[in-house]
Amino acid sequence: MDSLNILIFAAIAVLALIVLFLVFKKKKVEIQKPVIEEKKVTEAAAPKAAPVAPAIPKVSWKDRLTLGLEKSRSEVWGKIGNLFSTGTASLDEIEEILYTADIPTGLVQELLGKLEKDGKGKGPEEIQNLVFGFMKDKMAPIQDSIHSHVFNFDKNEKKTRVFMIVGVNGAGKTTTIGKLATKLNSQGAKVIVGACDTFRAAAVDQLQVWCDRAGVDMVRAKDGADPSGVAYDTVAKAFAENYDYCLIDTAGRLHTNQNLMDELAKTKRVMSKINAEAPQEVLLVLDAITGQNALKQAQEFNKALQLTGIIFTKCDGSAKAGSAVGIVDHLKVPITYIGVGESVDDLQLFDLELYLKTLVGLETT
C-alpha cells in the first residue's frame, strides 16, 4: 500500500511539473511576442533616407527670352535673312512677312528701303545686323527716357511714387501688378496696392492673393464701389504712411469705349488731388498676341492718359512680338518691362539690345 501511495504521489508530482512547465512556457511566449512584434513595427516604421532630388538648373533670363521670342525669330526675322542667303531676295516677299508680323506700314516701308539700299549681296548674318541696327536706331532714343525708379528702389530717396497700371481685360494687368509688387518689395520697398477694378470680384481676389504672397498691403472696397474713390483712398494712405510705392490697379477698359476711358482719366485726376505729381508713372500693359491691335490700344490709352511706359506681356506665345518696335517708334513711349511667362522671374526690365539681338537671331553676350 505504501508503495502504491508513493507511486501515486510521484505521478501527481510529475504531472504537476509538466503543467507548470507548460504554463511557464506559454507565459514566456506571450511576454516575448509583443517585444518581437514591437521590434518589427519599429523596424518597419523607421524612416528611410529620402533620395536626394537632382538640382534643377536655374534658367537664365537670356534663355527664357530666347525661348519666348522663338516664334517671332523663326517665322519673321529669320526668314528675312534666309531670303537674302539665296541671292534672289524679293522685297515683295519681305514686305509680306513684315506685315504678317503686324509691323506698321510706315516702318515696313522704311525698312524695305534700307534693305534695298544696303542689303543686296549680303549674307544672312549681315542682314541680321542691318535689321538690328535699323530697329535700334528707331528705339534707343525713346528707351533712354525711362525713369530708373520704375525698376530700382532707392532707399535714400524718401518719396512716395504712384504707378497707375492700365490695359484691356485679358492683357495680364492684375498678374503684372502682383509681379511688380513682389519685385519692388524684394528690394526693401514699402509697397501698397489699390484694387480699383471694383466691378470684377475675381480680379480683386486674384490681386489679394498676389499681395498676400508678396507681403505687401492692399486697399480694397465693396464690390461695385467707385474706382476713383478707391484710388483716392489708396494714394492718401500711401502718402500719409510714407509708402515707397503705390500701385493702382484699374478696371480693364476697351479702348473703343469713350465713357470708360473718361472714367480712367477721372481716376488719374483724383489721385493728383492728393499730390500734384501723382501718378508719376502711367504704365500700359499690352498683350503681344494682339499685334497691330496693340498699337491701336496704345494710341487710345496714350491720348486719354499720356502714358509714360509700356509693359509688353505674353511675348512667348506669338510671332508678333516685333510689333513692340512699331509701338515705341509711333508713340514715342518706352517699353519698361517685358514678360515671357507666368512666374515673377518671367517679368524683367526691357533690355533693348538683348531684345533686338534675340529677336533677329544674333549672338548675345
Protein backbone atom coordinates (compact mmCIF):
# COMPACT_ATOMS: atom_id res chain seq x y z
CA MET A 1 0.00 0.00 0.00
CA ASP A 2 2.87 2.31 0.85
CA SER A 3 4.45 1.55 -2.47
CA LEU A 4 1.21 2.33 -4.27
CA ASN A 5 0.85 5.65 -2.48
CA ILE A 6 4.39 6.53 -3.32
CA LEU A 7 3.72 5.85 -6.99
CA ILE A 8 0.55 7.89 -6.98
CA PHE A 9 2.26 10.86 -5.35
CA ALA A 10 5.16 10.53 -7.76
CA ALA A 11 2.77 10.52 -10.72
CA ILE A 12 0.95 13.58 -9.35
CA ALA A 13 4.24 15.37 -8.85
CA VAL A 14 5.32 14.63 -12.41
CA LEU A 15 2.00 15.84 -13.76
CA ALA A 16 2.28 18.99 -11.69
CA LEU A 17 5.76 19.63 -13.03
CA ILE A 18 4.52 19.10 -16.59
CA VAL A 19 1.62 21.54 -16.06
CA LEU A 20 3.93 24.13 -14.50
CA PHE A 21 6.36 23.75 -17.40
CA LEU A 22 3.61 24.23 -19.96
CA VAL A 23 2.16 27.24 -18.15
CA PHE A 24 5.58 28.87 -17.81
CA LYS A 25 6.38 28.25 -21.47
CA LYS A 26 3.07 29.82 -22.59
CA LYS A 27 3.63 32.93 -20.48
CA LYS A 28 7.17 33.27 -21.80
CA VAL A 29 5.87 33.19 -25.36
CA GLU A 30 3.22 35.83 -24.54
CA ILE A 31 5.82 38.06 -22.93
CA GLN A 32 8.29 37.74 -25.81
CA LYS A 33 5.74 38.02 -28.61
CA PRO A 34 4.89 41.72 -28.16
CA VAL A 35 8.57 42.53 -27.94
CA ILE A 36 9.21 40.77 -31.21
CA GLU A 37 6.20 42.45 -32.86
CA GLU A 38 7.22 45.84 -31.49
CA LYS A 39 10.65 45.35 -32.93
CA LYS A 40 9.17 44.52 -36.29
CA VAL A 41 6.91 47.59 -36.19
CA THR A 42 9.79 49.78 -35.14
CA GLU A 43 11.92 48.48 -37.96
CA ALA A 44 9.09 48.93 -40.47
CA ALA A 45 8.33 52.44 -39.23
CA ALA A 46 11.93 53.56 -39.30
CA PRO A 47 12.13 56.27 -41.98
CA LYS A 48 14.33 55.51 -44.90
CA ALA A 49 16.70 58.17 -46.08
CA ALA A 50 14.94 60.23 -48.72
CA PRO A 51 16.62 60.14 -52.11
CA VAL A 52 18.41 63.36 -52.93
CA ALA A 53 16.49 65.12 -55.70
CA PRO A 54 18.66 66.28 -58.58
CA ALA A 55 19.21 70.03 -58.57
CA ILE A 56 17.02 71.82 -61.10
CA PRO A 57 19.20 74.21 -63.07
CA LYS A 58 18.04 77.81 -62.91
CA VAL A 59 17.12 79.06 -66.35
CA SER A 60 18.69 82.44 -67.08
CA TRP A 61 16.62 85.40 -68.26
CA LYS A 62 18.54 85.35 -71.54
CA ASP A 63 17.50 81.73 -72.17
CA ARG A 64 13.87 82.41 -71.21
CA LEU A 65 13.76 85.39 -73.55
CA THR A 66 15.35 83.37 -76.36
CA LEU A 67 12.71 80.69 -75.94
CA GLY A 68 9.92 83.26 -75.66
CA LEU A 69 10.86 85.04 -78.87
CA GLU A 70 11.43 81.82 -80.82
CA LYS A 71 8.22 82.18 -82.82
CA SER A 72 8.97 85.76 -83.88
CA ARG A 73 12.55 84.89 -84.72
CA SER A 74 11.82 81.79 -86.80
CA GLU A 75 8.63 82.96 -88.54
CA VAL A 76 9.57 86.58 -89.25
CA TRP A 77 13.08 87.92 -88.75
CA GLY A 78 14.95 84.71 -89.51
CA LYS A 79 13.06 84.33 -92.79
CA ILE A 80 14.31 87.72 -93.99
CA GLY A 81 17.95 86.68 -93.59
CA ASN A 82 17.28 83.34 -95.28
CA LEU A 83 15.69 85.06 -98.29
CA PHE A 84 18.85 87.07 -98.83
CA SER A 85 21.03 84.00 -98.49
CA THR A 86 19.56 82.59 -101.71
CA GLY A 87 20.76 85.63 -103.64
CA THR A 88 17.29 86.21 -105.03
CA ALA A 89 15.65 88.14 -102.18
CA SER A 90 12.26 89.50 -103.17
CA LEU A 91 11.24 92.73 -101.48
CA ASP A 92 7.63 91.76 -102.07
CA GLU A 93 8.14 88.58 -100.05
CA ILE A 94 9.88 90.52 -97.28
CA GLU A 95 7.10 93.08 -97.22
CA GLU A 96 4.51 90.31 -96.83
CA ILE A 97 6.47 88.75 -93.95
CA LEU A 98 6.71 92.07 -92.13
CA TYR A 99 3.01 92.76 -92.49
CA THR A 100 2.14 89.33 -91.06
CA ALA A 101 4.18 90.36 -88.01
CA ASP A 102 1.90 93.40 -87.63
CA ILE A 103 4.65 95.94 -88.24
CA PRO A 104 3.11 99.39 -89.02
CA THR A 105 3.07 100.37 -92.68
CA GLY A 106 5.40 103.35 -92.32
CA LEU A 107 8.04 101.28 -90.53
CA VAL A 108 7.77 98.47 -93.08
CA GLN A 109 8.42 100.89 -95.95
CA GLU A 110 11.43 102.41 -94.17
CA LEU A 111 12.94 99.00 -93.50
CA LEU A 112 12.34 97.86 -97.08
CA GLY A 113 14.13 100.96 -98.34
CA LYS A 114 17.06 100.20 -96.04
CA LEU A 115 17.25 96.59 -97.21
CA GLU A 116 17.02 97.56 -100.87
CA LYS A 117 19.78 100.11 -100.46
CA ASP A 118 22.20 98.25 -98.19
CA GLY A 119 21.15 94.59 -98.27
CA LYS A 120 21.98 93.45 -101.78
CA GLY A 121 24.69 90.80 -101.93
CA LYS A 122 24.81 90.45 -98.13
CA GLY A 123 24.72 87.17 -96.23
CA PRO A 124 22.14 86.22 -93.58
CA GLU A 125 24.21 87.46 -90.62
CA GLU A 126 24.94 90.77 -92.35
CA ILE A 127 21.21 91.19 -92.97
CA GLN A 128 20.51 90.38 -89.34
CA ASN A 129 22.95 93.09 -88.28
CA LEU A 130 21.39 95.54 -90.72
CA VAL A 131 17.90 94.90 -89.35
CA PHE A 132 19.20 95.08 -85.77
CA GLY A 133 20.86 98.44 -86.41
CA PHE A 134 17.75 99.84 -88.09
CA MET A 135 15.45 98.92 -85.20
CA LYS A 136 17.92 100.02 -82.53
CA ASP A 137 18.23 103.46 -84.13
CA LYS A 138 14.44 103.74 -84.03
CA MET A 139 14.01 102.69 -80.42
CA ALA A 140 17.13 103.74 -78.50
CA PRO A 141 16.37 107.48 -78.15
CA ILE A 142 12.94 106.69 -76.69
CA GLN A 143 14.14 103.85 -74.45
CA ASP A 144 16.76 106.14 -72.93
CA SER A 145 13.97 108.27 -71.43
CA ILE A 146 12.87 105.61 -68.89
CA HIS A 147 12.96 106.70 -65.25
CA SER A 148 15.18 104.42 -63.16
CA HIS A 149 12.69 104.34 -60.26
CA VAL A 150 10.43 102.14 -62.39
CA PHE A 151 12.91 99.29 -61.74
CA ASN A 152 15.09 100.26 -58.82
CA PHE A 153 14.14 101.30 -55.31
CA ASP A 154 16.43 103.98 -53.89
CA LYS A 155 16.12 103.78 -50.10
CA ASN A 156 17.92 107.10 -49.72
CA GLU A 157 15.22 108.93 -51.65
CA LYS A 158 12.31 109.38 -49.26
CA LYS A 159 9.50 109.78 -51.76
CA THR A 160 6.18 108.08 -52.48
CA ARG A 161 5.84 107.09 -56.11
CA VAL A 162 2.45 106.28 -57.61
CA PHE A 163 2.14 103.95 -60.60
CA MET A 164 -1.20 103.79 -62.41
CA ILE A 165 -1.48 100.48 -64.31
CA VAL A 166 -3.97 100.36 -67.20
CA GLY A 167 -4.94 97.99 -70.01
CA VAL A 168 -7.75 95.99 -71.54
CA ASN A 169 -9.12 92.86 -69.87
CA GLY A 170 -7.02 89.79 -70.61
CA ALA A 171 -3.72 91.60 -71.17
CA GLY A 172 -2.28 90.30 -67.89
CA LYS A 173 -2.70 93.52 -65.90
CA THR A 174 -3.53 92.03 -62.49
CA THR A 175 -0.78 89.42 -62.70
CA THR A 176 1.72 92.08 -63.80
CA ILE A 177 0.86 94.28 -60.80
CA GLY A 178 1.40 91.30 -58.50
CA LYS A 179 4.81 90.67 -60.04
CA LEU A 180 5.79 94.34 -59.79
CA ALA A 181 4.75 94.47 -56.13
CA THR A 182 6.83 91.36 -55.46
CA LYS A 183 9.90 92.74 -57.23
CA LEU A 184 9.80 96.13 -55.50
CA ASN A 185 9.12 94.59 -52.11
CA SER A 186 12.08 92.23 -52.52
CA GLN A 187 14.30 95.32 -52.91
CA GLY A 188 13.19 96.53 -49.48
CA ALA A 189 10.50 98.97 -50.63
CA LYS A 190 7.29 99.50 -48.67
CA VAL A 191 4.51 98.83 -51.19
CA ILE A 192 0.75 99.33 -51.18
CA VAL A 193 -1.68 98.28 -53.92
CA GLY A 194 -5.07 99.81 -54.70
CA ALA A 195 -7.63 97.35 -56.08
CA CYS A 196 -9.71 99.69 -58.24
CA ASP A 197 -11.20 97.02 -60.53
CA THR A 198 -14.23 97.02 -58.25
CA PHE A 199 -16.68 95.50 -60.74
CA ARG A 200 -14.75 92.24 -61.05
CA ALA A 201 -14.61 90.49 -57.67
CA ALA A 202 -12.46 87.70 -59.12
CA ALA A 203 -9.82 90.20 -60.23
CA VAL A 204 -9.70 91.76 -56.74
CA ASP A 205 -9.42 88.32 -55.13
CA GLN A 206 -6.62 87.39 -57.51
CA LEU A 207 -4.79 90.59 -56.66
CA GLN A 208 -5.26 89.89 -52.94
CA VAL A 209 -3.55 86.51 -53.38
CA TRP A 210 -0.60 88.19 -55.09
CA CYS A 211 -0.33 90.85 -52.36
CA ASP A 212 -0.51 88.27 -49.57
CA ARG A 213 2.17 86.22 -51.28
CA ALA A 214 4.39 89.26 -51.79
CA GLY A 215 3.84 90.55 -48.26
CA VAL A 216 2.50 93.95 -49.34
CA ASP A 217 -0.60 95.89 -48.24
CA MET A 218 -3.73 96.29 -50.31
CA VAL A 219 -6.73 98.64 -50.18
CA ARG A 220 -9.98 97.17 -51.42
CA ALA A 221 -13.61 98.26 -51.21
CA LYS A 222 -17.00 96.62 -51.57
CA ASP A 223 -17.89 95.22 -54.97
CA GLY A 224 -19.19 97.96 -57.24
CA ALA A 225 -17.61 100.81 -55.28
CA ASP A 226 -16.45 103.89 -57.17
CA PRO A 227 -12.98 103.06 -58.62
CA SER A 228 -11.85 106.69 -58.32
CA GLY A 229 -12.72 106.65 -54.62
CA VAL A 230 -10.60 103.54 -54.04
CA ALA A 231 -7.70 105.17 -55.91
CA TYR A 232 -8.06 108.34 -53.81
CA ASP A 233 -8.08 106.40 -50.53
CA THR A 234 -5.07 104.30 -51.55
CA VAL A 235 -2.96 107.28 -52.60
CA ALA A 236 -3.95 109.20 -49.46
CA LYS A 237 -2.86 106.27 -47.28
CA ALA A 238 0.38 105.87 -49.25
CA PHE A 239 1.44 109.47 -48.65
CA ALA A 240 0.19 109.62 -45.06
CA GLU A 241 2.06 106.45 -44.05
CA ASN A 242 5.18 107.03 -46.16
CA TYR A 243 4.94 104.10 -48.54
CA ASP A 244 7.67 103.99 -51.16
CA TYR A 245 5.45 102.69 -53.96
CA CYS A 246 1.71 102.86 -54.56
CA LEU A 247 0.47 100.65 -57.39
CA ILE A 248 -3.03 101.43 -58.64
CA ASP A 249 -4.85 98.65 -60.46
CA THR A 250 -7.65 99.82 -62.75
CA ALA A 251 -10.62 98.18 -64.39
CA GLY A 252 -9.88 96.68 -67.78
CA ARG A 253 -11.12 99.10 -70.40
CA LEU A 254 -11.95 98.62 -74.03
CA HIS A 255 -10.10 101.43 -75.74
CA THR A 256 -13.07 101.86 -78.08
CA ASN A 257 -15.46 102.85 -75.28
CA GLN A 258 -15.10 106.58 -74.67
CA ASN A 259 -17.14 106.60 -71.45
CA LEU A 260 -14.88 104.02 -69.87
CA MET A 261 -11.77 105.88 -70.99
CA ASP A 262 -13.19 109.06 -69.46
CA GLU A 263 -13.59 107.17 -66.16
CA LEU A 264 -9.88 106.30 -66.26
CA ALA A 265 -8.98 109.93 -66.87
CA LYS A 266 -11.10 110.86 -63.86
CA THR A 267 -9.26 108.33 -61.69
CA LYS A 268 -5.97 109.88 -62.72
CA ARG A 269 -7.18 113.41 -61.87
CA VAL A 270 -8.45 112.31 -58.45
CA MET A 271 -5.01 110.99 -57.48
CA SER A 272 -3.40 114.33 -58.32
CA LYS A 273 -5.58 115.99 -55.66
CA ILE A 274 -3.57 114.14 -53.00
CA ASN A 275 -0.26 115.03 -54.60
CA ALA A 276 0.26 117.16 -57.69
CA GLU A 277 2.89 114.74 -59.06
CA ALA A 278 0.71 111.65 -58.72
CA PRO A 279 0.69 109.43 -60.62
CA GLN A 280 4.35 109.71 -61.63
CA GLU A 281 4.00 106.75 -63.97
CA VAL A 282 1.10 105.63 -66.17
CA LEU A 283 2.01 102.17 -67.47
CA LEU A 284 0.01 100.37 -70.15
CA VAL A 285 0.01 96.55 -70.12
CA LEU A 286 -0.07 95.28 -73.71
CA ASP A 287 -0.55 91.71 -74.87
CA ALA A 288 1.94 90.90 -77.66
CA ILE A 289 -0.51 88.41 -79.19
CA THR A 290 -2.84 91.23 -80.25
CA GLY A 291 -0.22 92.53 -82.69
CA GLN A 292 -1.42 95.50 -84.73
CA ASN A 293 -4.41 95.94 -82.42
CA ALA A 294 -1.92 96.56 -79.59
CA LEU A 295 -0.81 99.73 -81.39
CA LYS A 296 -4.41 100.92 -81.63
CA GLN A 297 -4.92 100.26 -77.93
CA ALA A 298 -1.74 102.13 -77.07
CA GLN A 299 -2.80 105.13 -79.18
CA GLU A 300 -6.14 105.47 -77.40
CA PHE A 301 -4.77 105.00 -73.89
CA ASN A 302 -1.98 107.46 -74.63
CA LYS A 303 -4.47 110.04 -75.90
CA ALA A 304 -6.53 109.80 -72.71
CA LEU A 305 -3.79 109.38 -70.10
CA GLN A 306 -0.41 110.44 -71.53
CA LEU A 307 1.43 107.16 -70.99
CA THR A 308 4.94 107.13 -69.54
CA GLY A 309 5.71 103.49 -70.28
CA ILE A 310 4.54 100.16 -71.68
CA ILE A 311 4.71 96.69 -70.18
CA PHE A 312 4.80 94.15 -73.02
CA THR A 313 3.42 90.76 -71.91
CA LYS A 314 2.89 87.26 -73.33
CA CYS A 315 5.78 87.51 -75.78
CA ASP A 316 6.20 83.75 -75.51
CA GLY A 317 3.05 82.87 -77.45
CA SER A 318 3.15 85.00 -80.57
CA ALA A 319 5.06 85.69 -83.75
CA LYS A 320 4.08 89.34 -83.32
CA ALA A 321 6.49 90.30 -80.54
CA GLY A 322 8.29 92.50 -83.07
CA SER A 323 5.31 94.84 -83.05
CA ALA A 324 6.94 96.43 -79.99
CA VAL A 325 9.29 98.25 -82.36
CA GLY A 326 6.44 99.95 -84.21
CA ILE A 327 4.62 100.88 -80.99
CA VAL A 328 7.67 102.59 -79.48
CA ASP A 329 8.50 104.36 -82.74
CA HIS A 330 4.93 105.54 -83.30
CA LEU A 331 4.04 106.66 -79.76
CA LYS A 332 7.49 107.75 -78.58
CA VAL A 333 6.73 105.89 -75.33
CA PRO A 334 9.33 103.43 -73.98
CA ILE A 335 8.83 99.80 -73.03
CA THR A 336 9.69 99.39 -69.35
CA TYR A 337 9.14 95.67 -68.76
CA ILE A 338 8.76 92.58 -70.92
CA GLY A 339 7.04 89.34 -69.92
CA VAL A 340 7.55 85.85 -71.33
CA GLY A 341 5.78 83.64 -68.78
CA GLU A 342 3.78 83.30 -65.58
CA SER A 343 6.40 83.40 -62.82
CA VAL A 344 7.77 86.53 -61.15
CA ASP A 345 11.14 85.97 -62.84
CA ASP A 346 9.44 85.95 -66.24
CA LEU A 347 8.82 89.70 -65.98
CA GLN A 348 12.06 91.66 -66.41
CA LEU A 349 13.15 95.14 -67.36
CA PHE A 350 13.25 95.70 -71.09
CA ASP A 351 16.86 95.46 -72.28
CA LEU A 352 16.77 96.89 -75.82
CA GLU A 353 19.99 95.35 -77.11
CA LEU A 354 19.24 91.90 -75.69
CA TYR A 355 15.68 92.02 -77.01
CA LEU A 356 16.62 93.04 -80.55
CA LYS A 357 19.56 90.65 -80.88
CA THR A 358 17.43 87.80 -79.59
CA LEU A 359 14.60 88.78 -81.93
CA VAL A 360 16.69 88.76 -85.11
CA GLY A 361 18.89 85.81 -84.08
CA LEU A 362 22.23 87.44 -83.35
CA GLU A 363 24.61 86.15 -80.70
CA THR A 364 24.21 87.83 -77.31
CA THR A 365 26.87 88.16 -74.64
